[in-house]
Amino acid sequence: MTARQVFYEGRVQGVGFRYATRQIAMGFDVTGWVRNLPDERVEMLTAGEEEEVEAFLKAIAESSLASFIYKQTVNEIPAPKGLRGFEIVH
């Protein structure tokens, strides 16, 4: 089990970014959440098997969301306990 904390910068708020991310997540065996930050970035935490997490991140990067992302920062973190599903948090 692996986990990634990802920060997306660009025009990532007000464009359906969180909803589209949740839709993409449904195609992968990952858990986690995505949320808007006050500084106009989007933060995402995702966990799962290494291959699934990497494929999920690649799918985001290759989706229509890519045109809104100017910068992506990925941090490997310990997999948190108790995550279920993939949610939008506020």
N, C-alpha and C. Protein backbone atom coordinates (compact mmCIF):
# COMPACT_ATOMS: atom_id res chain seq x y z
N MET A 1 0.85 -1.19 0.00
CA MET A 1 0.00 0.00 0.00
C MET A 1 0.89 1.24 0.00
N THR A 2 0.54 2.18 -0.86
CA THR A 2 1.28 3.43 -0.95
C THR A 2 0.29 4.59 -0.95
N ALA A 3 0.77 5.77 -0.67
CA ALA A 3 -0.09 6.96 -0.69
C ALA A 3 0.68 8.14 -1.25
N ARG A 4 -0.05 9.03 -1.88
CA ARG A 4 0.52 10.26 -2.43
C ARG A 4 -0.34 11.45 -2.02
N GLN A 5 0.33 12.51 -1.64
CA GLN A 5 -0.31 13.81 -1.43
C GLN A 5 0.08 14.64 -2.64
N VAL A 6 -0.92 15.17 -3.33
CA VAL A 6 -0.65 15.90 -4.57
C VAL A 6 -1.27 17.29 -4.45
N PHE A 7 -0.48 18.29 -4.82
CA PHE A 7 -0.97 19.66 -4.89
C PHE A 7 -0.98 20.07 -6.36
N TYR A 8 -2.14 20.53 -6.81
CA TYR A 8 -2.30 21.01 -8.18
C TYR A 8 -2.41 22.52 -8.16
N GLU A 9 -1.64 23.18 -9.02
CA GLU A 9 -1.71 24.63 -9.15
C GLU A 9 -2.10 24.97 -10.58
N GLY A 10 -2.77 26.09 -10.73
CA GLY A 10 -3.22 26.55 -12.03
C GLY A 10 -4.64 27.06 -11.91
N ARG A 11 -5.41 26.86 -12.96
CA ARG A 11 -6.83 27.24 -12.92
C ARG A 11 -7.61 25.99 -12.51
N VAL A 12 -7.45 25.59 -11.26
CA VAL A 12 -7.99 24.31 -10.80
C VAL A 12 -9.19 24.44 -9.87
N GLN A 13 -9.62 25.66 -9.63
CA GLN A 13 -10.84 25.86 -8.83
C GLN A 13 -11.88 26.54 -9.70
N GLY A 14 -13.12 26.13 -9.52
CA GLY A 14 -14.21 26.71 -10.27
C GLY A 14 -14.38 26.15 -11.67
N VAL A 15 -13.71 25.02 -11.95
CA VAL A 15 -13.79 24.42 -13.28
C VAL A 15 -14.24 22.95 -13.23
N GLY A 16 -14.72 22.51 -12.07
CA GLY A 16 -15.15 21.12 -11.92
C GLY A 16 -14.02 20.14 -11.68
N PHE A 17 -12.88 20.65 -11.27
CA PHE A 17 -11.68 19.82 -11.10
C PHE A 17 -11.90 18.70 -10.08
N ARG A 18 -12.46 19.03 -8.92
CA ARG A 18 -12.66 18.02 -7.88
C ARG A 18 -13.64 16.94 -8.33
N TYR A 19 -14.70 17.34 -9.00
CA TYR A 19 -15.71 16.39 -9.46
C TYR A 19 -15.14 15.47 -10.54
N ALA A 20 -14.38 16.04 -11.46
CA ALA A 20 -13.76 15.23 -12.50
C ALA A 20 -12.75 14.26 -11.91
N THR A 21 -12.00 14.71 -10.91
CA THR A 21 -11.03 13.84 -10.24
C THR A 21 -11.74 12.66 -9.59
N ARG A 22 -12.86 12.94 -8.94
CA ARG A 22 -13.63 11.86 -8.30
C ARG A 22 -14.13 10.88 -9.35
N GLN A 23 -14.59 11.38 -10.50
CA GLN A 23 -15.06 10.50 -11.57
C GLN A 23 -13.93 9.61 -12.08
N ILE A 24 -12.75 10.18 -12.27
CA ILE A 24 -11.60 9.39 -12.74
C ILE A 24 -11.25 8.33 -11.70
N ALA A 25 -11.31 8.69 -10.42
CA ALA A 25 -10.97 7.75 -9.34
C ALA A 25 -11.84 6.51 -9.37
N MET A 26 -13.07 6.65 -9.85
CA MET A 26 -13.98 5.50 -9.89
C MET A 26 -13.46 4.38 -10.79
N GLY A 27 -12.58 4.70 -11.71
CA GLY A 27 -12.02 3.70 -12.60
C GLY A 27 -10.80 2.98 -12.05
N PHE A 28 -10.43 3.31 -10.81
CA PHE A 28 -9.22 2.74 -10.22
C PHE A 28 -9.51 2.24 -8.82
N ASP A 29 -8.71 1.31 -8.36
CA ASP A 29 -8.85 0.77 -7.01
C ASP A 29 -8.02 1.64 -6.06
N VAL A 30 -8.49 2.88 -5.85
CA VAL A 30 -7.82 3.83 -4.96
C VAL A 30 -8.82 4.41 -3.98
N THR A 31 -8.31 4.89 -2.88
CA THR A 31 -9.12 5.61 -1.90
C THR A 31 -8.50 6.99 -1.72
N GLY A 32 -9.25 7.88 -1.06
CA GLY A 32 -8.68 9.19 -0.78
C GLY A 32 -9.71 10.29 -0.83
N TRP A 33 -9.19 11.49 -1.05
CA TRP A 33 -10.05 12.67 -1.08
C TRP A 33 -9.37 13.77 -1.89
N VAL A 34 -10.18 14.77 -2.25
CA VAL A 34 -9.69 15.94 -2.96
C VAL A 34 -10.41 17.16 -2.38
N ARG A 35 -9.69 18.27 -2.26
CA ARG A 35 -10.31 19.48 -1.71
C ARG A 35 -9.63 20.74 -2.26
N ASN A 36 -10.40 21.83 -2.25
CA ASN A 36 -9.87 23.14 -2.59
C ASN A 36 -9.15 23.71 -1.39
N LEU A 37 -8.08 24.45 -1.64
CA LEU A 37 -7.35 25.15 -0.58
C LEU A 37 -7.58 26.65 -0.72
N PRO A 38 -7.46 27.39 0.39
CA PRO A 38 -7.69 28.83 0.34
C PRO A 38 -6.75 29.58 -0.61
N ASP A 39 -5.58 29.01 -0.89
CA ASP A 39 -4.60 29.68 -1.76
C ASP A 39 -4.81 29.36 -3.24
N GLU A 40 -5.99 28.83 -3.58
CA GLU A 40 -6.41 28.52 -4.95
C GLU A 40 -5.79 27.27 -5.54
N ARG A 41 -5.07 26.50 -4.73
CA ARG A 41 -4.59 25.19 -5.17
C ARG A 41 -5.65 24.14 -4.84
N VAL A 42 -5.46 22.94 -5.38
CA VAL A 42 -6.27 21.78 -5.01
C VAL A 42 -5.31 20.76 -4.40
N GLU A 43 -5.72 20.19 -3.27
CA GLU A 43 -4.94 19.15 -2.62
C GLU A 43 -5.68 17.83 -2.78
N MET A 44 -4.92 16.78 -3.08
CA MET A 44 -5.50 15.45 -3.20
C MET A 44 -4.64 14.47 -2.42
N LEU A 45 -5.29 13.55 -1.74
CA LEU A 45 -4.60 12.44 -1.10
C LEU A 45 -5.19 11.18 -1.70
N THR A 46 -4.33 10.29 -2.16
CA THR A 46 -4.80 9.04 -2.73
C THR A 46 -3.93 7.90 -2.25
N ALA A 47 -4.56 6.76 -2.01
CA ALA A 47 -3.84 5.59 -1.50
C ALA A 47 -4.32 4.34 -2.22
N GLY A 48 -3.45 3.36 -2.31
CA GLY A 48 -3.77 2.09 -2.94
C GLY A 48 -2.50 1.36 -3.28
N GLU A 49 -2.63 0.32 -4.08
CA GLU A 49 -1.44 -0.38 -4.55
C GLU A 49 -0.67 0.56 -5.47
N GLU A 50 0.63 0.46 -5.45
CA GLU A 50 1.52 1.36 -6.21
C GLU A 50 1.07 1.53 -7.66
N GLU A 51 0.78 0.43 -8.35
CA GLU A 51 0.41 0.49 -9.77
C GLU A 51 -0.89 1.26 -9.97
N GLU A 52 -1.85 1.06 -9.08
CA GLU A 52 -3.14 1.74 -9.19
C GLU A 52 -3.00 3.23 -8.96
N VAL A 53 -2.25 3.61 -7.94
CA VAL A 53 -2.04 5.03 -7.63
C VAL A 53 -1.34 5.71 -8.80
N GLU A 54 -0.29 5.09 -9.31
CA GLU A 54 0.44 5.69 -10.43
C GLU A 54 -0.44 5.80 -11.67
N ALA A 55 -1.23 4.77 -11.95
CA ALA A 55 -2.13 4.81 -13.11
C ALA A 55 -3.19 5.90 -12.94
N PHE A 56 -3.70 6.06 -11.73
CA PHE A 56 -4.69 7.10 -11.44
C PHE A 56 -4.10 8.49 -11.67
N LEU A 57 -2.90 8.73 -11.15
CA LEU A 57 -2.25 10.03 -11.36
C LEU A 57 -1.97 10.29 -12.83
N LYS A 58 -1.59 9.25 -13.55
CA LYS A 58 -1.35 9.38 -14.99
C LYS A 58 -2.65 9.71 -15.72
N ALA A 59 -3.73 9.06 -15.31
CA ALA A 59 -5.03 9.31 -15.95
C ALA A 59 -5.47 10.76 -15.75
N ILE A 60 -5.21 11.31 -14.57
CA ILE A 60 -5.53 12.74 -14.34
C ILE A 60 -4.68 13.60 -15.27
N ALA A 61 -3.39 13.31 -15.34
CA ALA A 61 -2.46 14.11 -16.15
C ALA A 61 -2.80 14.04 -17.64
N GLU A 62 -3.43 12.95 -18.08
CA GLU A 62 -3.76 12.78 -19.50
C GLU A 62 -5.22 13.14 -19.81
N SER A 63 -5.96 13.56 -18.80
CA SER A 63 -7.38 13.90 -18.99
C SER A 63 -7.53 15.34 -19.45
N SER A 64 -8.77 15.75 -19.63
CA SER A 64 -9.05 17.15 -19.98
C SER A 64 -8.63 18.10 -18.88
N LEU A 65 -8.42 17.60 -17.67
CA LEU A 65 -7.97 18.45 -16.56
C LEU A 65 -6.56 18.99 -16.79
N ALA A 66 -5.79 18.32 -17.60
CA ALA A 66 -4.39 18.72 -17.82
C ALA A 66 -4.27 20.17 -18.28
N SER A 67 -5.24 20.66 -19.03
CA SER A 67 -5.16 22.03 -19.53
C SER A 67 -5.30 23.07 -18.41
N PHE A 68 -5.80 22.66 -17.25
CA PHE A 68 -5.96 23.58 -16.12
C PHE A 68 -4.78 23.54 -15.16
N ILE A 69 -3.94 22.51 -15.27
CA ILE A 69 -2.84 22.31 -14.33
C ILE A 69 -1.56 22.95 -14.87
N TYR A 70 -1.00 23.89 -14.09
CA TYR A 70 0.28 24.50 -14.46
C TYR A 70 1.43 23.82 -13.73
N LYS A 71 1.15 23.34 -12.52
CA LYS A 71 2.18 22.71 -11.71
C LYS A 71 1.55 21.64 -10.84
N GLN A 72 2.27 20.55 -10.69
CA GLN A 72 1.82 19.45 -9.84
C GLN A 72 2.98 19.06 -8.94
N THR A 73 2.72 19.00 -7.63
CA THR A 73 3.73 18.58 -6.66
C THR A 73 3.24 17.31 -6.00
N VAL A 74 4.02 16.24 -6.10
CA VAL A 74 3.63 14.94 -5.57
C VAL A 74 4.57 14.57 -4.43
N ASN A 75 3.99 14.24 -3.28
CA ASN A 75 4.76 13.78 -2.12
C ASN A 75 4.32 12.38 -1.75
N GLU A 76 5.28 11.47 -1.59
CA GLU A 76 4.95 10.14 -1.10
C GLU A 76 4.82 10.23 0.41
N ILE A 77 3.72 9.70 0.94
CA ILE A 77 3.45 9.76 2.37
C ILE A 77 3.06 8.37 2.86
N PRO A 78 3.14 8.13 4.18
CA PRO A 78 2.65 6.85 4.70
C PRO A 78 1.16 6.71 4.43
N ALA A 79 0.74 5.51 4.09
CA ALA A 79 -0.68 5.27 3.79
C ALA A 79 -1.51 5.44 5.06
N PRO A 80 -2.46 6.36 5.05
CA PRO A 80 -3.32 6.56 6.22
C PRO A 80 -4.28 5.39 6.41
N LYS A 81 -4.64 5.15 7.63
CA LYS A 81 -5.59 4.08 7.95
C LYS A 81 -7.02 4.61 7.82
N GLY A 82 -7.93 3.73 7.51
CA GLY A 82 -9.34 4.06 7.57
C GLY A 82 -9.93 4.79 6.39
N LEU A 83 -9.17 4.99 5.29
CA LEU A 83 -9.76 5.64 4.12
C LEU A 83 -10.73 4.69 3.44
N ARG A 84 -11.87 5.21 3.03
CA ARG A 84 -12.85 4.42 2.29
C ARG A 84 -13.37 5.27 1.15
N GLY A 85 -13.39 4.70 -0.01
CA GLY A 85 -13.89 5.42 -1.16
C GLY A 85 -13.00 6.59 -1.56
N PHE A 86 -13.50 7.42 -2.43
CA PHE A 86 -12.80 8.63 -2.84
C PHE A 86 -13.79 9.77 -2.78
N GLU A 87 -13.52 10.75 -1.94
CA GLU A 87 -14.49 11.81 -1.64
C GLU A 87 -13.99 13.20 -1.97
N ILE A 88 -14.94 14.09 -2.14
CA ILE A 88 -14.65 15.52 -2.16
C ILE A 88 -14.87 16.01 -0.74
N VAL A 89 -13.85 16.64 -0.16
CA VAL A 89 -14.00 17.17 1.20
C VAL A 89 -13.96 18.69 1.14
N HIS A 90 -14.57 19.29 2.13
CA HIS A 90 -14.66 20.77 2.17
C HIS A 90 -13.94 21.31 3.38
